[in-house]
PDB file of N, CA and C in Angstrom:
ATOM      1  N   UNK A   1      -3.383  -6.829  -5.690  1.00  0.00           N
ATOM      2  CA  UNK A   1      -4.294  -7.154  -6.749  1.00  0.00           C
ATOM      3  C   UNK A   1      -5.080  -8.273  -6.078  1.00  0.00           C
ATOM      4  N   UNK A   2      -6.412  -8.059  -5.669  1.00  0.00           N
ATOM      5  CA  UNK A   2      -7.050  -9.476  -5.089  1.00  0.00           C
ATOM      6  C   UNK A   2      -7.276 -10.467  -5.785  1.00  0.00           C
ATOM      7  N   UNK A   3      -6.945 -10.588  -7.258  1.00  0.00           N
ATOM      8  CA  UNK A   3      -6.640 -11.991  -7.764  1.00  0.00           C
ATOM      9  C   UNK A   3      -5.449 -12.284  -7.988  1.00  0.00           C
ATOM     10  N   UNK A   4      -4.498 -11.823  -7.966  1.00  0.00           N
ATOM     11  CA  UNK A   4      -3.082 -11.920  -8.653  1.00  0.00           C
ATOM     12  C   UNK A   4      -2.076 -11.089  -7.464  1.00  0.00           C
ATOM     13  N   UNK A   5      -1.510 -12.153  -6.828  1.00  0.00           N
ATOM     14  CA  UNK A   5      -0.817 -11.826  -5.672  1.00  0.00           C
ATOM     15  C   UNK A   5       0.436 -11.142  -5.923  1.00  0.00           C
ATOM     16  N   UNK A   6       1.122 -11.413  -7.189  1.00  0.00           N
ATOM     17  CA  UNK A   6       2.177 -10.641  -7.680  1.00  0.00           C
ATOM     18  C   UNK A   6       2.097  -9.307  -8.238  1.00  0.00           C
ATOM     19  N   UNK A   7       0.568  -8.617  -8.012  1.00  0.00           N
ATOM     20  CA  UNK A   7       0.525  -7.264  -8.325  1.00  0.00           C
ATOM     21  C   UNK A   7       0.562  -6.711  -7.403  1.00  0.00           C
ATOM     22  N   UNK A   8       1.177  -5.089  -7.249  1.00  0.00           N
ATOM     23  CA  UNK A   8       0.615  -4.524  -6.061  1.00  0.00           C
ATOM     24  C   UNK A   8       0.472  -2.962  -6.539  1.00  0.00           C
ATOM     25  N   UNK A   9      -0.838  -2.647  -6.351  1.00  0.00           N
ATOM     26  CA  UNK A   9      -1.281  -1.168  -6.684  1.00  0.00           C
ATOM     27  C   UNK A   9      -0.945  -0.595  -5.739  1.00  0.00           C
ATOM     28  N   UNK A  10      -0.228   0.794  -6.155  1.00  0.00           N
ATOM     29  CA  UNK A  10       0.016   1.739  -5.059  1.00  0.00           C
ATOM     30  C   UNK A  10      -0.405   3.335  -5.835  1.00  0.00           C
ATOM     31  N   UNK A  11      -0.317   4.213  -4.723  1.00  0.00           N
ATOM     32  CA  UNK A  11      -1.151   5.463  -5.267  1.00  0.00           C
ATOM     33  C   UNK A  11      -0.041   6.315  -4.491  1.00  0.00           C
ATOM     34  N   UNK A  12       0.808   7.432  -5.267  1.00  0.00           N
ATOM     35  CA  UNK A  12       1.753   8.298  -4.838  1.00  0.00           C
ATOM     36  C   UNK A  12       0.999   9.624  -4.177  1.00  0.00           C
ATOM     37  N   UNK A  13      -0.452   9.353  -4.226  1.00  0.00           N
ATOM     38  CA  UNK A  13      -1.391  10.542  -3.882  1.00  0.00           C
ATOM     39  C   UNK A  13      -0.784  11.463  -4.274  1.00  0.00           C
ATOM     40  N   UNK A  14      -2.092  12.460  -4.081  1.00  0.00           N
ATOM     41  CA  UNK A  14      -2.041  13.539  -4.814  1.00  0.00           C
ATOM     42  C   UNK A  14      -2.273  15.012  -4.153  1.00  0.00           C
ATOM     43  N   UNK A  15      -1.808  16.361  -4.536  1.00  0.00           N
ATOM     44  CA  UNK A  15      -2.103  17.318  -3.579  1.00  0.00           C
ATOM     45  C   UNK A  15      -1.386  17.028  -2.653  1.00  0.00           C
ATOM     46  N   UNK A  16      -2.004  17.641  -1.388  1.00  0.00           N
ATOM     47  CA  UNK A  16      -1.319  17.489  -0.269  1.00  0.00           C
ATOM     48  C   UNK A  16      -0.893  15.740   0.253  1.00  0.00           C
ATOM     49  N   UNK A  17      -1.296  15.014  -0.553  1.00  0.00           N
ATOM     50  CA  UNK A  17      -1.264  13.734   0.079  1.00  0.00           C
ATOM     51  C   UNK A  17       0.294  13.211  -0.399  1.00  0.00           C
ATOM     52  N   UNK A  18       1.150  14.181  -1.129  1.00  0.00           N
ATOM     53  CA  UNK A  18       2.457  13.758  -1.716  1.00  0.00           C
ATOM     54  C   UNK A  18       3.376  13.621  -0.443  1.00  0.00           C
ATOM     55  N   UNK A  19       2.978  14.619   0.514  1.00  0.00           N
ATOM     56  CA  UNK A  19       3.972  14.280   1.907  1.00  0.00           C
ATOM     57  C   UNK A  19       4.240  13.102   2.522  1.00  0.00           C
ATOM     58  N   UNK A  20       3.150  12.138   2.269  1.00  0.00           N
ATOM     59  CA  UNK A  20       3.013  10.811   2.598  1.00  0.00           C
ATOM     60  C   UNK A  20       4.132   9.752   1.763  1.00  0.00           C
ATOM     61  N   UNK A  21       4.452  10.163   0.490  1.00  0.00           N
ATOM     62  CA  UNK A  21       5.005   9.626  -0.494  1.00  0.00           C
ATOM     63  C   UNK A  21       6.168   8.283   0.416  1.00  0.00           C
ATOM     64  N   UNK A  22       7.004   9.518   1.493  1.00  0.00           N
ATOM     65  CA  UNK A  22       8.362   8.510   1.919  1.00  0.00           C
ATOM     66  C   UNK A  22       7.514   7.288   2.682  1.00  0.00           C
ATOM     67  N   UNK A  23       6.474   7.427   3.563  1.00  0.00           N
ATOM     68  CA  UNK A  23       6.115   6.467   4.338  1.00  0.00           C
ATOM     69  C   UNK A  23       5.333   5.179   3.105  1.00  0.00           C
ATOM     70  N   UNK A  24       4.687   5.520   2.233  1.00  0.00           N
ATOM     71  CA  UNK A  24       3.973   4.644   1.194  1.00  0.00           C
ATOM     72  C   UNK A  24       5.573   4.162   0.496  1.00  0.00           C
ATOM     73  N   UNK A  25       6.558   4.757   0.347  1.00  0.00           N
ATOM     74  CA  UNK A  25       7.483   3.756  -0.116  1.00  0.00           C
ATOM     75  C   UNK A  25       8.186   2.383   0.947  1.00  0.00           C
ATOM     76  N   UNK A  26       8.091   3.282   2.167  1.00  0.00           N
ATOM     77  CA  UNK A  26       8.707   2.126   3.037  1.00  0.00           C
ATOM     78  C   UNK A  26       7.497   1.117   3.176  1.00  0.00           C
ATOM     79  N   UNK A  27       6.201   1.530   3.084  1.00  0.00           N
ATOM     80  CA  UNK A  27       5.163   0.277   3.110  1.00  0.00           C
ATOM     81  C   UNK A  27       5.267  -0.510   1.903  1.00  0.00           C
ATOM     82  N   UNK A  28       5.658  -0.216   0.570  1.00  0.00           N
ATOM     83  CA  UNK A  28       5.945  -0.787  -0.755  1.00  0.00           C
ATOM     84  C   UNK A  28       7.176  -1.812  -0.082  1.00  0.00           C
ATOM     85  N   UNK A  29       8.253  -1.138  -0.182  1.00  0.00           N
ATOM     86  CA  UNK A  29       9.418  -2.020   0.220  1.00  0.00           C
ATOM     87  C   UNK A  29       9.350  -2.934   1.156  1.00  0.00           C
ATOM     88  N   UNK A  30       8.306  -2.828   2.402  1.00  0.00           N
ATOM     89  CA  UNK A  30       7.898  -3.847   3.079  1.00  0.00           C
ATOM     90  C   UNK A  30       7.352  -5.263   2.489  1.00  0.00           C
ATOM     91  N   UNK A  31       6.357  -4.568   1.927  1.00  0.00           N
ATOM     92  CA  UNK A  31       5.470  -5.702   0.990  1.00  0.00           C
ATOM     93  C   UNK A  31       6.159  -6.325   0.049  1.00  0.00           C
ATOM     94  N   UNK A  32       6.940  -5.474  -0.705  1.00  0.00           N
ATOM     95  CA  UNK A  32       7.792  -6.460  -1.784  1.00  0.00           C
ATOM     96  C   UNK A  32       8.757  -7.236  -1.075  1.00  0.00           C
ATOM     97  N   UNK A  33       9.603  -6.948  -0.285  1.00  0.00           N
ATOM     98  CA  UNK A  33      10.593  -7.954   0.544  1.00  0.00           C
ATOM     99  C   UNK A  33      10.097  -8.570   1.520  1.00  0.00           C
ATOM    100  N   UNK A  34       9.074  -8.398   2.179  1.00  0.00           N
ATOM    101  CA  UNK A  34       9.080  -9.556   3.521  1.00  0.00           C
ATOM    102  C   UNK A  34       7.470  -9.864   3.409  1.00  0.00           C
ATOM    103  N   UNK A  35       6.783  -9.428   2.075  1.00  0.00           N
ATOM    104  CA  UNK A  35       5.340  -9.752   2.124  1.00  0.00           C
ATOM    105  C   UNK A  35       4.398  -9.143   3.331  1.00  0.00           C
ATOM    106  N   UNK A  36       4.854  -8.307   4.145  1.00  0.00           N
ATOM    107  CA  UNK A  36       3.994  -7.685   4.952  1.00  0.00           C
ATOM    108  C   UNK A  36       4.435  -6.380   5.351  1.00  0.00           C
ATOM    109  N   UNK A  37       3.672  -5.616   5.956  1.00  0.00           N
ATOM    110  CA  UNK A  37       4.168  -4.194   6.126  1.00  0.00           C
ATOM    111  C   UNK A  37       4.072  -3.801   7.793  1.00  0.00           C
ATOM    112  N   UNK A  38       4.871  -3.193   8.531  1.00  0.00           N
ATOM    113  CA  UNK A  38       4.830  -2.729   9.967  1.00  0.00           C
ATOM    114  C   UNK A  38       3.668  -2.235  10.197  1.00  0.00           C
ATOM    115  N   UNK A  39       3.077  -1.465   9.523  1.00  0.00           N
ATOM    116  CA  UNK A  39       2.212  -0.434   9.308  1.00  0.00           C
ATOM    117  C   UNK A  39       0.480  -1.289   9.193  1.00  0.00           C
ATOM    118  N   UNK A  40      -0.435  -0.923  10.062  1.00  0.00           N
ATOM    119  CA  UNK A  40      -1.914  -1.350   9.736  1.00  0.00           C
ATOM    120  C   UNK A  40      -2.380  -0.957   8.335  1.00  0.00           C
ATOM    121  N   UNK A  41      -2.508  -2.016   7.612  1.00  0.00           N
ATOM    122  CA  UNK A  41      -3.323  -1.302   6.430  1.00  0.00           C
ATOM    123  C   UNK A  41      -4.569  -1.439   6.194  1.00  0.00           C
ATOM    124  N   UNK A  42      -5.000  -2.196   7.222  1.00  0.00           N
ATOM    125  CA  UNK A  42      -6.572  -2.464   7.315  1.00  0.00           C
ATOM    126  C   UNK A  42      -7.648  -1.185   6.471  1.00  0.00           C
ATOM    127  N   UNK A  43      -7.263  -0.263   6.811  1.00  0.00           N
ATOM    128  CA  UNK A  43      -8.352   0.843   6.544  1.00  0.00           C
ATOM    129  C   UNK A  43      -7.967   1.015   4.758  1.00  0.00           C
ATOM    130  N   UNK A  44      -7.277   0.783   4.295  1.00  0.00           N
ATOM    131  CA  UNK A  44      -6.760   0.905   2.806  1.00  0.00           C
ATOM    132  C   UNK A  44      -6.913  -0.672   1.767  1.00  0.00           C
ATOM    133  N   UNK A  45      -7.944  -1.421   2.857  1.00  0.00           N
ATOM    134  CA  UNK A  45      -7.649  -2.810   2.082  1.00  0.00           C
ATOM    135  C   UNK A  45      -9.065  -2.484   1.061  1.00  0.00           C
ATOM    136  N   UNK A  46      -8.682  -3.049   0.045  1.00  0.00           N
ATOM    137  CA  UNK A  46     -10.086  -3.535  -1.159  1.00  0.00           C
ATOM    138  C   UNK A  46     -11.374  -4.099  -0.688  1.00  0.00           C
ATOM    139  N   UNK A  47     -11.139  -4.635   0.289  1.00  0.00           N
ATOM    140  CA  UNK A  47     -12.239  -5.602   1.001  1.00  0.00           C
ATOM    141  C   UNK A  47     -13.396  -4.659   1.558  1.00  0.00           C
ATOM    142  N   UNK A  48     -12.786  -3.113   2.245  1.00  0.00           N
ATOM    143  CA  UNK A  48     -13.830  -2.524   2.743  1.00  0.00           C
ATOM    144  C   UNK A  48     -15.027  -2.154   1.318  1.00  0.00           C
ATOM    145  N   UNK A  49     -14.762  -2.291   0.144  1.00  0.00           N
ATOM    146  CA  UNK A  49     -15.626  -1.873  -0.780  1.00  0.00           C
ATOM    147  C   UNK A  49     -16.436  -2.929  -1.114  1.00  0.00           C
ATOM    148  N   UNK A  50     -16.437  -4.140  -0.475  1.00  0.00           N
ATOM    149  CA  UNK A  50     -17.295  -5.579  -0.483  1.00  0.00           C
ATOM    150  C   UNK A  50     -18.579  -5.300   0.385  1.00  0.00           C
TER     151      UNK A  50
END
């Protein structure tokens, strides 16, 4: 969440996107435990809507 660092918004996807659930889980685990992901998440940033 842009205003609350302790809030993480995650979508498990739908339809064909369900197959990405394992990598989404890895990303979430990295973000929660390490504060960063080994994957480039720039394309999914909320900043892209500003």
